[in-house]
Amino acid sequence: MKLIDILIIVLAAVAVVGVVTAAIIRKKKGKTGCDCGCSSCAGCTACHTAKDKDKNADA
């Protein structure tokens, strides 16, 4: 393997770790996947749990 091959592999691994880390941080902050709202989202049930729906029903 040449040096450029190793650099490409390392950069790809760093990118994957960065995306996964960002997703974990967003999840811990309670943000959804796209952060665009749920009014016209076909997958809104995947973002919010039943617990979130119960909170909205109480309000």
PDB file of N, CA and C in Angstrom:
ATOM      1  N   MET A   1       0.840  -1.185   0.000  1.00  0.00           N
ATOM      2  CA  MET A   1       0.000   0.000   0.000  1.00  0.00           C
ATOM      3  C   MET A   1       0.879   1.241   0.000  1.00  0.00           C
ATOM      4  N   LYS A   2       0.435   2.196  -0.757  1.00  0.00           N
ATOM      5  CA  LYS A   2       1.158   3.461  -0.810  1.00  0.00           C
ATOM      6  C   LYS A   2       0.641   4.398   0.273  1.00  0.00           C
ATOM      7  N   LEU A   3       1.363   5.444   0.500  1.00  0.00           N
ATOM      8  CA  LEU A   3       0.997   6.422   1.528  1.00  0.00           C
ATOM      9  C   LEU A   3      -0.362   7.046   1.234  1.00  0.00           C
ATOM     10  N   ILE A   4      -0.646   7.320  -0.019  1.00  0.00           N
ATOM     11  CA  ILE A   4      -1.915   7.939  -0.374  1.00  0.00           C
ATOM     12  C   ILE A   4      -3.093   7.010  -0.047  1.00  0.00           C
ATOM     13  N   ASP A   5      -2.912   5.717  -0.223  1.00  0.00           N
ATOM     14  CA  ASP A   5      -3.959   4.751   0.111  1.00  0.00           C
ATOM     15  C   ASP A   5      -4.256   4.770   1.611  1.00  0.00           C
ATOM     16  N   ILE A   6      -3.212   4.806   2.392  1.00  0.00           N
ATOM     17  CA  ILE A   6      -3.363   4.842   3.846  1.00  0.00           C
ATOM     18  C   ILE A   6      -4.060   6.129   4.278  1.00  0.00           C
ATOM     19  N   LEU A   7      -3.693   7.255   3.675  1.00  0.00           N
ATOM     20  CA  LEU A   7      -4.312   8.530   4.011  1.00  0.00           C
ATOM     21  C   LEU A   7      -5.802   8.535   3.659  1.00  0.00           C
ATOM     22  N   ILE A   8      -6.157   7.972   2.530  1.00  0.00           N
ATOM     23  CA  ILE A   8      -7.556   7.912   2.127  1.00  0.00           C
ATOM     24  C   ILE A   8      -8.361   7.059   3.112  1.00  0.00           C
ATOM     25  N   ILE A   9      -7.808   5.935   3.519  1.00  0.00           N
ATOM     26  CA  ILE A   9      -8.487   5.064   4.478  1.00  0.00           C
ATOM     27  C   ILE A   9      -8.667   5.761   5.820  1.00  0.00           C
ATOM     28  N   VAL A  10      -7.642   6.443   6.281  1.00  0.00           N
ATOM     29  CA  VAL A  10      -7.711   7.153   7.557  1.00  0.00           C
ATOM     30  C   VAL A  10      -8.741   8.283   7.482  1.00  0.00           C
ATOM     31  N   LEU A  11      -8.754   9.036   6.393  1.00  0.00           N
ATOM     32  CA  LEU A  11      -9.717  10.124   6.243  1.00  0.00           C
ATOM     33  C   LEU A  11     -11.148   9.597   6.177  1.00  0.00           C
ATOM     34  N   ALA A  12     -11.351   8.489   5.510  1.00  0.00           N
ATOM     35  CA  ALA A  12     -12.684   7.889   5.445  1.00  0.00           C
ATOM     36  C   ALA A  12     -13.127   7.425   6.831  1.00  0.00           C
ATOM     37  N   ALA A  13     -12.228   6.826   7.587  1.00  0.00           N
ATOM     38  CA  ALA A  13     -12.554   6.374   8.937  1.00  0.00           C
ATOM     39  C   ALA A  13     -12.883   7.554   9.846  1.00  0.00           C
ATOM     40  N   VAL A  14     -12.144   8.642   9.731  1.00  0.00           N
ATOM     41  CA  VAL A  14     -12.405   9.839  10.526  1.00  0.00           C
ATOM     42  C   VAL A  14     -13.779  10.419  10.175  1.00  0.00           C
ATOM     43  N   ALA A  15     -14.124  10.416   8.899  1.00  0.00           N
ATOM     44  CA  ALA A  15     -15.423  10.928   8.480  1.00  0.00           C
ATOM     45  C   ALA A  15     -16.557  10.084   9.066  1.00  0.00           C
ATOM     46  N   VAL A  16     -16.420   8.774   9.043  1.00  0.00           N
ATOM     47  CA  VAL A  16     -17.446   7.888   9.589  1.00  0.00           C
ATOM     48  C   VAL A  16     -17.589   8.097  11.087  1.00  0.00           C
ATOM     49  N   VAL A  17     -16.491   8.171  11.791  1.00  0.00           N
ATOM     50  CA  VAL A  17     -16.527   8.394  13.242  1.00  0.00           C
ATOM     51  C   VAL A  17     -17.161   9.749  13.555  1.00  0.00           C
ATOM     52  N   GLY A  18     -16.867  10.752  12.747  1.00  0.00           N
ATOM     53  CA  GLY A  18     -17.450  12.077  12.957  1.00  0.00           C
ATOM     54  C   GLY A  18     -18.955  12.087  12.783  1.00  0.00           C
ATOM     55  N   VAL A  19     -19.441  11.408  11.756  1.00  0.00           N
ATOM     56  CA  VAL A  19     -20.882  11.346  11.513  1.00  0.00           C
ATOM     57  C   VAL A  19     -21.588  10.596  12.642  1.00  0.00           C
ATOM     58  N   VAL A  20     -21.019   9.496  13.067  1.00  0.00           N
ATOM     59  CA  VAL A  20     -21.625   8.714  14.147  1.00  0.00           C
ATOM     60  C   VAL A  20     -21.626   9.521  15.443  1.00  0.00           C
ATOM     61  N   THR A  21     -20.543  10.195  15.733  1.00  0.00           N
ATOM     62  CA  THR A  21     -20.452  11.019  16.939  1.00  0.00           C
ATOM     63  C   THR A  21     -21.475  12.146  16.910  1.00  0.00           C
ATOM     64  N   ALA A  22     -21.613  12.802  15.771  1.00  0.00           N
ATOM     65  CA  ALA A  22     -22.592  13.880  15.647  1.00  0.00           C
ATOM     66  C   ALA A  22     -24.009  13.354  15.847  1.00  0.00           C
ATOM     67  N   ALA A  23     -24.299  12.176  15.319  1.00  0.00           N
ATOM     68  CA  ALA A  23     -25.633  11.591  15.492  1.00  0.00           C
ATOM     69  C   ALA A  23     -25.913  11.268  16.953  1.00  0.00           C
ATOM     70  N   ILE A  24     -24.924  10.758  17.651  1.00  0.00           N
ATOM     71  CA  ILE A  24     -25.088  10.439  19.073  1.00  0.00           C
ATOM     72  C   ILE A  24     -25.310  11.710  19.881  1.00  0.00           C
ATOM     73  N   ILE A  25     -24.569  12.758  19.588  1.00  0.00           N
ATOM     74  CA  ILE A  25     -24.714  14.027  20.310  1.00  0.00           C
ATOM     75  C   ILE A  25     -26.095  14.617  20.061  1.00  0.00           C
ATOM     76  N   ARG A  26     -26.553  14.588  18.808  1.00  0.00           N
ATOM     77  CA  ARG A  26     -27.891  15.110  18.489  1.00  0.00           C
ATOM     78  C   ARG A  26     -28.970  14.305  19.198  1.00  0.00           C
ATOM     79  N   LYS A  27     -28.797  13.000  19.267  1.00  0.00           N
ATOM     80  CA  LYS A  27     -29.780  12.142  19.928  1.00  0.00           C
ATOM     81  C   LYS A  27     -29.852  12.463  21.421  1.00  0.00           C
ATOM     82  N   LYS A  28     -28.698  12.685  22.058  1.00  0.00           N
ATOM     83  CA  LYS A  28     -28.667  13.007  23.483  1.00  0.00           C
ATOM     84  C   LYS A  28     -29.295  14.361  23.763  1.00  0.00           C
ATOM     85  N   LYS A  29     -29.213  15.287  22.808  1.00  0.00           N
ATOM     86  CA  LYS A  29     -29.822  16.603  22.965  1.00  0.00           C
ATOM     87  C   LYS A  29     -31.310  16.566  22.670  1.00  0.00           C
ATOM     88  N   GLY A  30     -31.811  15.435  22.164  1.00  0.00           N
ATOM     89  CA  GLY A  30     -33.224  15.287  21.895  1.00  0.00           C
ATOM     90  C   GLY A  30     -33.658  15.807  20.543  1.00  0.00           C
ATOM     91  N   LYS A  31     -32.722  16.045  19.659  1.00  0.00           N
ATOM     92  CA  LYS A  31     -33.064  16.548  18.336  1.00  0.00           C
ATOM     93  C   LYS A  31     -33.395  15.384  17.409  1.00  0.00           C
ATOM     94  N   THR A  32     -34.200  15.677  16.387  1.00  0.00           N
ATOM     95  CA  THR A  32     -34.555  14.648  15.420  1.00  0.00           C
ATOM     96  C   THR A  32     -33.451  14.493  14.387  1.00  0.00           C
ATOM     97  N   GLY A  33     -33.668  13.569  13.474  1.00  0.00           N
ATOM     98  CA  GLY A  33     -32.659  13.288  12.459  1.00  0.00           C
ATOM     99  C   GLY A  33     -32.417  14.424  11.495  1.00  0.00           C
ATOM    100  N   CYS A  34     -33.485  15.089  11.061  1.00  0.00           N
ATOM    101  CA  CYS A  34     -33.314  16.118  10.035  1.00  0.00           C
ATOM    102  C   CYS A  34     -33.513  17.524  10.576  1.00  0.00           C
ATOM    103  N   ASP A  35     -34.193  17.658  11.701  1.00  0.00           N
ATOM    104  CA  ASP A  35     -34.419  18.952  12.349  1.00  0.00           C
ATOM    105  C   ASP A  35     -35.261  19.909  11.507  1.00  0.00           C
ATOM    106  N   CYS A  36     -36.143  19.361  10.651  1.00  0.00           N
ATOM    107  CA  CYS A  36     -36.942  20.221   9.776  1.00  0.00           C
ATOM    108  C   CYS A  36     -38.405  20.282  10.190  1.00  0.00           C
ATOM    109  N   GLY A  37     -38.771  19.664  11.268  1.00  0.00           N
ATOM    110  CA  GLY A  37     -40.153  19.661  11.703  1.00  0.00           C
ATOM    111  C   GLY A  37     -40.871  18.427  11.198  1.00  0.00           C
ATOM    112  N   CYS A  38     -42.071  18.201  11.724  1.00  0.00           N
ATOM    113  CA  CYS A  38     -42.784  16.968  11.396  1.00  0.00           C
ATOM    114  C   CYS A  38     -44.081  17.201  10.640  1.00  0.00           C
ATOM    115  N   SER A  39     -44.387  18.425  10.273  1.00  0.00           N
ATOM    116  CA  SER A  39     -45.687  18.699   9.675  1.00  0.00           C
ATOM    117  C   SER A  39     -45.915  17.937   8.376  1.00  0.00           C
ATOM    118  N   SER A  40     -44.897  17.764   7.567  1.00  0.00           N
ATOM    119  CA  SER A  40     -45.082  17.058   6.295  1.00  0.00           C
ATOM    120  C   SER A  40     -44.117  15.879   6.158  1.00  0.00           C
ATOM    121  N   CYS A  41     -43.650  15.372   7.268  1.00  0.00           N
ATOM    122  CA  CYS A  41     -42.653  14.299   7.246  1.00  0.00           C
ATOM    123  C   CYS A  41     -43.345  12.937   7.275  1.00  0.00           C
ATOM    124  N   ALA A  42     -43.000  12.090   6.324  1.00  0.00           N
ATOM    125  CA  ALA A  42     -43.582  10.752   6.278  1.00  0.00           C
ATOM    126  C   ALA A  42     -43.005   9.846   7.358  1.00  0.00           C
ATOM    127  N   GLY A  43     -41.832  10.164   7.853  1.00  0.00           N
ATOM    128  CA  GLY A  43     -41.196   9.324   8.857  1.00  0.00           C
ATOM    129  C   GLY A  43     -41.214   9.912  10.243  1.00  0.00           C
ATOM    130  N   CYS A  44     -42.171  10.770  10.545  1.00  0.00           N
ATOM    131  CA  CYS A  44     -42.173  11.439  11.852  1.00  0.00           C
ATOM    132  C   CYS A  44     -42.378  10.465  13.001  1.00  0.00           C
ATOM    133  N   THR A  45     -43.024   9.340  12.748  1.00  0.00           N
ATOM    134  CA  THR A  45     -43.219   8.376  13.829  1.00  0.00           C
ATOM    135  C   THR A  45     -41.908   7.710  14.217  1.00  0.00           C
ATOM    136  N   ALA A  46     -40.930   7.719  13.343  1.00  0.00           N
ATOM    137  CA  ALA A  46     -39.633   7.130  13.649  1.00  0.00           C
ATOM    138  C   ALA A  46     -38.803   8.051  14.538  1.00  0.00           C
ATOM    139  N   CYS A  47     -39.078   9.338  14.483  1.00  0.00           N
ATOM    140  CA  CYS A  47     -38.296  10.305  15.260  1.00  0.00           C
ATOM    141  C   CYS A  47     -38.766  10.421  16.700  1.00  0.00           C
ATOM    142  N   HIS A  48     -40.067  10.289  16.908  1.00  0.00           N
ATOM    143  CA  HIS A  48     -40.640  10.538  18.222  1.00  0.00           C
ATOM    144  C   HIS A  48     -41.187   9.251  18.817  1.00  0.00           C
ATOM    145  N   THR A  49     -40.898   9.063  20.076  1.00  0.00           N
ATOM    146  CA  THR A  49     -41.358   7.864  20.764  1.00  0.00           C
ATOM    147  C   THR A  49     -42.756   8.069  21.315  1.00  0.00           C
ATOM    148  N   ALA A  50     -43.340   7.038  21.832  1.00  0.00           N
ATOM    149  CA  ALA A  50     -44.669   7.130  22.443  1.00  0.00           C
ATOM    150  C   ALA A  50     -44.633   8.044  23.660  1.00  0.00           C
ATOM    151  N   LYS A  51     -43.503   8.097  24.325  1.00  0.00           N
ATOM    152  CA  LYS A  51     -43.361   8.970  25.487  1.00  0.00           C
ATOM    153  C   LYS A  51     -43.513  10.433  25.077  1.00  0.00           C
ATOM    154  N   ASP A  52     -42.928  10.824  23.949  1.00  0.00           N
ATOM    155  CA  ASP A  52     -43.073  12.185  23.449  1.00  0.00           C
ATOM    156  C   ASP A  52     -44.528  12.487  23.122  1.00  0.00           C
ATOM    157  N   LYS A  53     -45.226  11.523  22.557  1.00  0.00           N
ATOM    158  CA  LYS A  53     -46.632  11.723  22.204  1.00  0.00           C
ATOM    159  C   LYS A  53     -47.473  11.896  23.466  1.00  0.00           C
ATOM    160  N   ASP A  54     -47.143  11.160  24.526  1.00  0.00           N
ATOM    161  CA  ASP A  54     -47.872  11.285  25.789  1.00  0.00           C
ATOM    162  C   ASP A  54     -47.674  12.678  26.392  1.00  0.00           C
ATOM    163  N   LYS A  55     -46.492  13.227  26.281  1.00  0.00           N
ATOM    164  CA  LYS A  55     -46.234  14.566  26.792  1.00  0.00           C
ATOM    165  C   LYS A  55     -47.068  15.593  26.043  1.00  0.00           C
ATOM    166  N   ASN A  56     -47.177  15.422  24.727  1.00  0.00           N
ATOM    167  CA  ASN A  56     -47.966  16.348  23.921  1.00  0.00           C
ATOM    168  C   ASN A  56     -49.453  16.220  24.225  1.00  0.00           C
ATOM    169  N   ALA A  57     -49.925  15.052  24.566  1.00  0.00           N
ATOM    170  CA  ALA A  57     -51.342  14.833  24.870  1.00  0.00           C
ATOM    171  C   ALA A  57     -51.711  15.495  26.199  1.00  0.00           C
ATOM    172  N   ASP A  58     -50.769  15.536  27.133  1.00  0.00           N
ATOM    173  CA  ASP A  58     -51.016  16.145  28.437  1.00  0.00           C
ATOM    174  C   ASP A  58     -51.076  17.661  28.358  1.00  0.00           C
ATOM    175  N   ALA A  59     -50.436  18.237  27.391  1.00  0.00           N
ATOM    176  CA  ALA A  59     -50.358  19.696  27.284  1.00  0.00           C
ATOM    177  C   ALA A  59     -51.601  20.331  26.746  1.00  0.00           C
TER     178      ALA A  59
END
